[in-house]
Amino acid sequence: MLCIADHDTDRFTLEGPMTDAETWVREVIAARRAGRDITCHVLDASPEEAAQAWMRAKGGTRWPSGSIVAPECFEPSADRPPPAETATLLPL
């Protein structure tokens, strides 16, 4: 699981499971370059365990997947709304 944390709004999302987080990490980098205080962390746990571990360690509120940043290829499902805000991918 990839945990994306927005430290300005005290919220986090869990993305995955996935085998390659590169597209998500690029979005986090772009958002940080745009001035947002967000980070991403790999958590080796099920979604429920990862959410509980993050809340115990850091607090915050869990938001739907893709609601902090999301790659352009991200397709929200019916139970997952589209991202509220997205970052433009900047060249590395």
C-alpha atoms as a PDB file:
ATOM      1  CA  MET A   1       0.000   0.000   0.000  1.00  0.00           C
ATOM      2  CA  LEU A   2       1.157   3.517  -0.741  1.00  0.00           C
ATOM      3  CA  CYS A   3       0.102   6.118   1.799  1.00  0.00           C
ATOM      4  CA  ILE A   4      -0.073   9.682   0.472  1.00  0.00           C
ATOM      5  CA  ALA A   5      -0.242  12.242   3.272  1.00  0.00           C
ATOM      6  CA  ASP A   6      -1.258  15.889   2.910  1.00  0.00           C
ATOM      7  CA  HIS A   7       0.283  17.610   5.927  1.00  0.00           C
ATOM      8  CA  ASP A   8      -1.453  20.943   5.242  1.00  0.00           C
ATOM      9  CA  THR A   9      -4.930  19.426   5.553  1.00  0.00           C
ATOM     10  CA  ASP A  10      -4.074  16.547   7.923  1.00  0.00           C
ATOM     11  CA  ARG A  11      -5.526  13.885   5.641  1.00  0.00           C
ATOM     12  CA  PHE A  12      -4.204  10.781   3.908  1.00  0.00           C
ATOM     13  CA  THR A  13      -5.156   8.280   1.222  1.00  0.00           C
ATOM     14  CA  LEU A  14      -4.154   4.698   0.620  1.00  0.00           C
ATOM     15  CA  GLU A  15      -3.365   3.699  -2.941  1.00  0.00           C
ATOM     16  CA  GLY A  16      -2.917   0.149  -4.112  1.00  0.00           C
ATOM     17  CA  PRO A  17      -1.988  -2.530  -3.695  1.00  0.00           C
ATOM     18  CA  MET A  18       0.433  -2.030  -6.579  1.00  0.00           C
ATOM     19  CA  THR A  19       3.711  -3.343  -7.859  1.00  0.00           C
ATOM     20  CA  ASP A  20       5.012  -0.043  -9.266  1.00  0.00           C
ATOM     21  CA  ALA A  21       4.300   3.242  -7.498  1.00  0.00           C
ATOM     22  CA  GLU A  22       6.360   5.382  -9.897  1.00  0.00           C
ATOM     23  CA  THR A  23       3.397   7.231 -11.431  1.00  0.00           C
ATOM     24  CA  TRP A  24       2.059   8.086  -7.972  1.00  0.00           C
ATOM     25  CA  VAL A  25       5.490   9.183  -6.735  1.00  0.00           C
ATOM     26  CA  ARG A  26       5.846  11.471  -9.767  1.00  0.00           C
ATOM     27  CA  GLU A  27       2.541  13.135  -8.863  1.00  0.00           C
ATOM     28  CA  VAL A  28       3.749  13.665  -5.289  1.00  0.00           C
ATOM     29  CA  ILE A  29       6.997  15.193  -6.569  1.00  0.00           C
ATOM     30  CA  ALA A  30       5.073  17.511  -8.882  1.00  0.00           C
ATOM     31  CA  ALA A  31       2.761  18.563  -6.052  1.00  0.00           C
ATOM     32  CA  ARG A  32       5.722  19.261  -3.754  1.00  0.00           C
ATOM     33  CA  ARG A  33       7.349  21.374  -6.480  1.00  0.00           C
ATOM     34  CA  ALA A  34       4.079  23.295  -6.711  1.00  0.00           C
ATOM     35  CA  GLY A  35       4.363  24.102  -2.994  1.00  0.00           C
ATOM     36  CA  ARG A  36       2.173  21.449  -1.395  1.00  0.00           C
ATOM     37  CA  ASP A  37       3.349  19.731   1.798  1.00  0.00           C
ATOM     38  CA  ILE A  38       2.636  16.109   0.886  1.00  0.00           C
ATOM     39  CA  THR A  39       4.633  12.920   1.267  1.00  0.00           C
ATOM     40  CA  CYS A  40       4.255   9.283   0.297  1.00  0.00           C
ATOM     41  CA  HIS A  41       5.153   6.201   2.287  1.00  0.00           C
ATOM     42  CA  VAL A  42       5.096   2.485   1.486  1.00  0.00           C
ATOM     43  CA  LEU A  43       3.177   0.501   4.099  1.00  0.00           C
ATOM     44  CA  ASP A  44       3.469  -3.279   4.091  1.00  0.00           C
ATOM     45  CA  ALA A  45      -0.026  -4.124   5.284  1.00  0.00           C
ATOM     46  CA  SER A  46      -3.611  -4.635   4.177  1.00  0.00           C
ATOM     47  CA  PRO A  47      -5.607  -1.421   3.570  1.00  0.00           C
ATOM     48  CA  GLU A  48      -7.341  -1.705   6.944  1.00  0.00           C
ATOM     49  CA  GLU A  49      -4.115  -2.411   8.828  1.00  0.00           C
ATOM     50  CA  ALA A  50      -2.292   0.356   6.969  1.00  0.00           C
ATOM     51  CA  ALA A  51      -5.002   2.902   7.781  1.00  0.00           C
ATOM     52  CA  GLN A  52      -5.030   1.944  11.459  1.00  0.00           C
ATOM     53  CA  ALA A  53      -1.224   2.037  11.666  1.00  0.00           C
ATOM     54  CA  TRP A  54      -1.065   5.470   9.999  1.00  0.00           C
ATOM     55  CA  MET A  55      -3.762   6.927  12.263  1.00  0.00           C
ATOM     56  CA  ARG A  56      -2.027   5.571  15.382  1.00  0.00           C
ATOM     57  CA  ALA A  57       1.367   6.950  14.316  1.00  0.00           C
ATOM     58  CA  LYS A  58       0.434  10.213  12.603  1.00  0.00           C
ATOM     59  CA  GLY A  59      -3.273  10.870  13.077  1.00  0.00           C
ATOM     60  CA  GLY A  60      -5.278  12.546  10.357  1.00  0.00           C
ATOM     61  CA  THR A  61      -8.342  11.614   8.382  1.00  0.00           C
ATOM     62  CA  ARG A  62      -8.486   8.989   5.661  1.00  0.00           C
ATOM     63  CA  TRP A  63      -9.902  10.275   2.381  1.00  0.00           C
ATOM     64  CA  PRO A  64     -10.903   8.277  -0.708  1.00  0.00           C
ATOM     65  CA  SER A  65      -8.185   6.907  -2.944  1.00  0.00           C
ATOM     66  CA  GLY A  66      -7.028   9.453  -5.512  1.00  0.00           C
ATOM     67  CA  SER A  67      -8.403  12.489  -3.677  1.00  0.00           C
ATOM     68  CA  ILE A  68      -5.026  14.089  -2.788  1.00  0.00           C
ATOM     69  CA  VAL A  69      -3.115  13.417  -6.015  1.00  0.00           C
ATOM     70  CA  ALA A  70      -3.592  10.905  -8.795  1.00  0.00           C
ATOM     71  CA  PRO A  71      -1.826  10.003 -12.016  1.00  0.00           C
ATOM     72  CA  GLU A  72      -3.601  10.913 -15.243  1.00  0.00           C
ATOM     73  CA  CYS A  73      -4.193   7.212 -15.890  1.00  0.00           C
ATOM     74  CA  PHE A  74      -6.115   6.880 -12.589  1.00  0.00           C
ATOM     75  CA  GLU A  75      -9.745   5.936 -13.165  1.00  0.00           C
ATOM     76  CA  PRO A  76     -12.048   6.474 -10.194  1.00  0.00           C
ATOM     77  CA  SER A  77     -14.625   3.770  -9.609  1.00  0.00           C
ATOM     78  CA  ALA A  78     -18.242   4.378  -8.667  1.00  0.00           C
ATOM     79  CA  ASP A  79     -17.387   4.156  -4.949  1.00  0.00           C
ATOM     80  CA  ARG A  80     -14.332   6.373  -5.373  1.00  0.00           C
ATOM     81  CA  PRO A  81     -14.952   9.979  -6.489  1.00  0.00           C
ATOM     82  CA  PRO A  82     -12.591  11.724  -8.896  1.00  0.00           C
ATOM     83  CA  PRO A  83      -9.642  13.538  -7.326  1.00  0.00           C
ATOM     84  CA  ALA A  84     -10.558  16.859  -5.746  1.00  0.00           C
ATOM     85  CA  GLU A  85      -7.210  18.280  -6.745  1.00  0.00           C
ATOM     86  CA  THR A  86      -4.496  16.995  -9.025  1.00  0.00           C
ATOM     87  CA  ALA A  87      -0.929  18.020  -9.658  1.00  0.00           C
ATOM     88  CA  THR A  88       0.491  18.756 -13.068  1.00  0.00           C
ATOM     89  CA  LEU A  89       3.376  16.455 -13.878  1.00  0.00           C
ATOM     90  CA  LEU A  90       6.575  18.483 -14.162  1.00  0.00           C
ATOM     91  CA  PRO A  91       9.713  17.238 -15.883  1.00  0.00           C
ATOM     92  CA  LEU A  92      12.198  15.673 -13.495  1.00  0.00           C
END
